Every structure is written in structure tokens, then in C-alpha cells.
Protein backbone atom coordinates (compact mmCIF):
# COMPACT_ATOMS: atom_id res chain seq x y z
CA MET A 1 -12.94 -3.96 -6.54
CA ARG A 2 -10.14 -3.97 -3.82
CA VAL A 3 -10.04 -0.93 -1.46
CA LEU A 4 -7.76 0.16 1.41
CA LEU A 5 -9.72 1.87 4.46
CA SER A 6 -6.73 4.23 4.66
CA ASP A 7 -7.29 5.75 1.03
CA ILE A 8 -10.97 6.19 2.11
CA ASN A 9 -10.22 8.15 5.11
CA ALA A 10 -7.59 10.04 3.08
CA PHE A 11 -10.63 12.00 1.70
CA LEU A 12 -12.61 12.30 4.87
CA PHE A 13 -11.96 14.92 7.77
CA GLU A 14 -13.04 12.12 10.49
CA LYS A 15 -11.63 8.80 9.96
CA ILE A 16 -14.29 5.74 9.57
CA SER A 17 -13.79 2.47 11.24
CA GLU A 18 -14.12 -1.07 9.41
CA GLY A 19 -17.61 -1.40 10.56
CA ASP A 20 -18.53 2.04 9.40
CA PHE A 21 -17.28 1.18 6.16
CA VAL A 22 -18.97 -2.15 5.76
CA PHE A 23 -22.13 -0.62 7.12
CA ALA A 24 -22.28 2.08 4.59
CA LEU A 25 -21.37 0.41 1.48
CA GLU A 26 -24.14 -2.60 2.36
CA LYS A 27 -26.82 0.12 3.03
CA MET A 28 -26.01 1.64 -0.44
CA GLY A 29 -26.45 -1.70 -2.01
CA PHE A 30 -23.10 -2.89 -2.41
CA GLU A 31 -21.63 -6.31 -1.23
CA VAL A 32 -18.54 -6.10 0.73
CA GLU A 33 -17.25 -9.82 -0.30
CA GLY A 34 -14.25 -10.07 2.22
CA LYS A 35 -11.55 -8.01 4.04
CA ARG A 36 -8.06 -8.82 5.44
CA LYS A 37 -5.71 -6.96 7.55
CA ILE A 38 -2.41 -6.56 6.27
CA GLY A 39 0.17 -8.45 8.37
CA GLU A 40 -2.56 -9.96 10.28
CA GLY A 41 -1.44 -13.26 12.20
CA PHE A 42 2.06 -11.93 13.03
CA GLU A 43 2.64 -10.53 16.47
CA ARG A 44 5.63 -8.47 15.54
CA ILE A 45 7.02 -7.63 12.16
CA LEU A 46 10.15 -5.59 11.75
CA PRO A 47 12.76 -4.80 9.12
CA ALA A 48 15.73 -6.91 8.98
CA ARG A 49 19.02 -6.32 7.42
CA VAL A 50 20.94 -9.01 5.68
CA LEU A 51 24.52 -9.34 7.30
CA GLU A 52 25.78 -12.74 5.95
CA VAL A 53 24.36 -15.43 3.83
CA GLU A 54 25.34 -18.98 4.03
CA ARG A 55 24.10 -20.47 0.85
CA GLY A 56 22.73 -24.13 0.49
CA ARG A 57 19.83 -26.11 -0.09
CA ILE A 58 18.42 -23.81 2.82
CA ASN A 59 19.80 -20.53 2.93
CA TRP A 60 21.16 -19.32 6.41
CA VAL A 61 20.90 -15.68 6.90
CA LYS A 62 22.46 -13.61 9.63
CA ALA A 63 20.14 -10.75 9.95
CA LYS A 64 20.18 -7.79 12.25
CA VAL A 65 16.48 -7.20 13.71
CA ASP A 66 15.81 -4.54 16.37
CA GLY A 67 19.17 -4.54 17.28
CA GLU A 68 19.66 -8.30 17.74
CA VAL A 69 21.71 -10.62 15.29
CA LEU A 70 19.15 -13.68 14.45
CA ASP A 71 19.87 -16.66 12.16
CA VAL A 72 17.06 -17.20 9.97
CA SER A 73 16.43 -19.75 7.37
CA THR A 74 14.80 -19.14 3.84
CA THR A 75 14.92 -21.26 0.41
CA ASP A 76 14.81 -17.54 -1.24
CA GLN A 77 17.77 -16.11 -2.71
CA VAL A 78 18.82 -12.90 -0.70
CA ASN A 79 21.97 -10.78 -0.81
CA VAL A 80 24.15 -8.86 1.75
CA GLY A 81 22.64 -5.54 2.53
CA GLU A 82 18.98 -6.16 1.85
CA VAL A 83 16.49 -5.19 4.06
CA LEU A 84 13.70 -7.91 4.56
CA LEU A 85 10.65 -7.94 6.56
CA TRP A 86 11.17 -10.20 9.40
CA ALA A 87 8.04 -11.81 11.59
CA ASP A 88 8.33 -13.29 15.30
CA VAL A 89 7.28 -16.70 14.65
CA PRO A 90 8.17 -19.62 16.90
CA PRO A 91 11.73 -21.00 16.43
CA LYS A 92 12.02 -23.90 13.88
CA ARG A 93 14.68 -26.51 14.30
CA PHE A 94 16.71 -28.04 11.25
CA GLY A 95 18.76 -30.61 12.42
CA GLU A 96 21.16 -28.98 14.76
CA ARG A 97 20.31 -25.41 13.64
CA VAL A 98 17.53 -23.22 14.81
CA SER A 99 15.67 -20.59 12.60
CA MET A 100 14.59 -17.47 14.64
CA GLY A 101 11.49 -16.10 13.16
CA MET A 102 10.67 -15.98 9.33
CA PHE A 103 10.97 -13.49 6.43
CA LEU A 104 7.78 -12.44 4.64
CA SER A 105 6.60 -12.27 1.32
CA GLU A 106 3.76 -9.85 0.14
CA GLU A 107 1.52 -12.96 -0.10
CA GLU A 108 2.02 -13.80 3.31
CA LEU A 109 1.51 -10.01 4.62
CA GLY A 110 -1.71 -10.19 2.80
CA LEU A 111 -1.08 -7.84 0.10
CA THR A 112 -1.10 -9.99 -2.97
CA GLU A 113 -2.62 -13.54 -3.77
CA LYS A 114 0.57 -14.79 -4.71
CA SER A 115 4.18 -13.59 -4.47
CA GLU A 116 7.33 -15.34 -5.90
CA ARG A 117 9.86 -13.47 -3.76
CA LEU A 118 10.23 -12.17 -0.10
CA ALA A 119 9.43 -8.48 0.35
CA ARG A 120 12.15 -5.86 0.00
CA VAL A 121 12.31 -2.74 2.26
CA SER A 122 13.41 0.36 0.55
CA ASP A 123 12.57 2.57 3.53
CA PRO A 124 13.22 0.85 7.10
CA GLU A 125 12.18 3.93 9.17
CA ASN A 126 8.74 3.83 7.43
CA TYR A 127 8.34 0.07 6.53
CA LYS A 128 4.84 -0.12 8.30
CA LYS A 129 3.51 2.75 5.93
CA GLU A 130 5.35 1.34 2.78
CA PHE A 131 3.93 -2.21 3.22
CA LEU A 132 0.62 -0.99 4.56
CA ILE A 133 0.89 -2.99 7.45
CA GLY A 134 -2.17 -2.62 9.80
CA ASP A 135 -4.25 -1.39 7.10
CA VAL A 136 -7.60 -2.97 6.02
CA LEU A 137 -8.08 -4.25 2.36
CA PHE A 138 -11.65 -4.76 1.33
CA ASP A 139 -12.91 -6.80 -1.84
CA VAL A 140 -16.29 -4.75 -2.80
CA TYR A 141 -18.69 -5.84 -5.43
CA ILE A 142 -19.72 -2.80 -7.65
CA THR A 143 -22.82 -3.27 -9.63
CA PRO A 144 -22.67 -2.62 -13.38
CA ASN A 145 -24.76 0.40 -12.92
CA ARG A 146 -22.10 2.26 -10.63
CA PRO A 147 -19.12 2.47 -12.38
CA ASP A 148 -18.36 5.87 -11.00
CA LEU A 149 -17.69 4.26 -7.49
CA LEU A 150 -15.04 2.15 -9.26
CA GLY A 151 -12.90 5.09 -8.39
CA VAL A 152 -11.71 5.54 -4.48
CA LEU A 153 -12.36 9.34 -4.47
CA TRP A 154 -15.81 9.02 -5.45
CA MET A 155 -16.60 6.08 -3.44
CA ALA A 156 -15.40 8.18 -0.55
CA LYS A 157 -17.83 11.02 -1.31
CA GLU A 158 -20.71 8.65 -1.57
CA ILE A 159 -19.79 7.37 1.81
CA SER A 160 -19.33 10.65 3.16
CA LEU A 161 -22.61 11.78 2.07
CA PHE A 162 -24.42 8.60 3.53
CA LEU A 163 -22.64 8.97 6.91
CA ASP A 164 -23.09 12.78 6.96
CA LEU A 165 -19.31 13.28 7.48
CA LYS A 166 -17.38 16.40 5.66
CA PHE A 167 -15.54 15.26 2.43
CA LYS A 168 -11.89 16.89 1.79
CA GLY A 169 -11.69 16.01 -1.94
CA LEU A 170 -8.22 16.35 -3.62
CA GLU A 171 -5.61 18.89 -2.61
CA ILE A 172 -4.15 20.13 -5.60
CA GLU A 173 -1.53 22.90 -5.32
CA GLU A 174 -2.14 25.49 -8.25
CA ASN A 175 0.16 28.09 -8.91
CA ALA A 176 -1.39 30.34 -11.88
CA SER A 177 1.09 32.02 -14.30
CA GLN A 178 1.07 33.20 -18.07
CA LYS A 179 4.70 32.41 -18.33
CA PHE A 180 5.48 29.55 -20.68
CA ASP A 181 8.57 28.05 -21.91
CA PHE A 182 6.98 27.29 -25.29
CA PRO A 183 5.46 29.14 -27.79
CA ILE A 184 1.70 29.55 -28.43
CA GLU A 185 -0.01 30.62 -31.94
CA ILE A 186 -3.40 31.18 -32.54
CA LEU A 187 -4.30 30.30 -36.06
CA THR A 188 -8.25 31.18 -35.80
CA GLU A 189 -8.87 35.00 -35.99
CA GLY A 190 -12.46 34.05 -34.48
CA CYS A 191 -11.01 32.83 -31.37
CA ASP A 192 -12.04 35.46 -28.48
CA ILE A 193 -10.46 33.57 -25.55
CA TYR A 194 -7.79 30.89 -25.50
CA THR A 195 -6.91 29.19 -22.04
CA LEU A 196 -4.32 26.65 -21.19
CA ARG A 197 -3.12 24.89 -18.33
CA LEU A 198 0.38 23.17 -18.01
CA ILE A 199 0.51 20.45 -15.62
CA ARG A 200 4.13 19.48 -14.35
CA LEU A 201 4.66 15.99 -12.72
CA LYS A 202 7.01 15.11 -10.13
CA LYS A 203 9.18 12.05 -9.88
CA GLY A 204 8.06 9.75 -7.33
CA GLU A 205 8.00 6.17 -6.29
CA THR A 206 5.12 3.96 -7.74
CA PRO A 207 2.99 2.78 -4.81
CA ILE A 208 2.33 -0.80 -4.26
CA GLU A 209 -0.29 -2.21 -6.27
CA ILE A 210 -3.28 -3.38 -4.63
């Protein structure tokens, strides 16, 4: 099972560290098989807006990064106006031209095992949150007798009990009402009480799959 440290901390009033997480899981009898920090290995990761594309065997892109226009090479197909993730790596020379930095895929970020395209940024102001940059992703082996821990909420609750931390639980906004916009007909005379909960879901962006 893959677990983000931020998802565990979302259910705890007191945030835990990577070491706390590993300590708690291993003392509880579960193996942490590996971990990786999203974006590790890159000193700077910034959003880069594509201004121009010169297509060829190698595509040369003029991209605006932190107010500066840079030439960046890529073999991926990109379009003007797209916002990509750019990493500050040493310049690379191709003949007489020099590529400044590189564009990143979700694979290079550490989000997925394999990615066939560059990462596209939908919210440049919150790109770190969008791509979980700086978060820690753990691979945890859950034994067959504890299927309840295959959910982040219950894993966080178990850790909170083990480390004696206060557990938040889910924050659900409830507005109880007896007003319904559809008819209800009870056909059984012996029904002494009838209850109904209507749950309305809001539209939203699908989060990154981990």
C-alpha cells in the first residue's frame, strides 16, 4: 500500500515526522518497504509557461520561468500556453545550442513508476500542492489479517492510538433538514419510523492517483 505522510497528518492534530511514521508502523508489526520524497534530487522546481515551440527531432521551447525566459529542449510534444514543471539542472549543450534546465514528468518527480508525458500544471500558484512536491510517499506492507489498515483514515487512527496523539477524524458538514425535492411513500403499515439521509456531492478535480 502506498501512503502519503500528508494524508496521515491530515487526521492528526499534531503532525508526525517520517521517523515517527516508520517507528509506529514497524512497532505495530508492519513493514515499511520503501519511501521517497516527491521531487527529491532537484534543488528548484518551478512552473514554466510555454511561450514558443521550435519543433524538430529535438523541440526547443522558450519558457517563462520565475520571470526569466529560458531555452529548454525536450523530445515531448508541448504546445504554446501550457504550463510545465521545470527543474534547475546543469545546462546541457546540443551543438551550438544550450538547454537551460529540464521539464519534468510525474515519473521523474517520483509520483509514478512510469509516465509517458510531461507533467502539466493546472494551478501555477499552487503547483507544489498540486504535485505533492516535498511530501513523502511510503510503501507499506499490510498483513492479510489487517484489511482495515488499507484505508488511510484507519491507519492514521491506529498510529494516533500507538503514539498517544489526538485523532481528528473526518470533518463532515451536516445540514439536517426535512425538506426533500422528491416524493416519499411508505407502503408498509407497520413502519413505526423512517429515516433518510440525502448526500449531495460537489463537483471537484480528481486528485493525483498514488
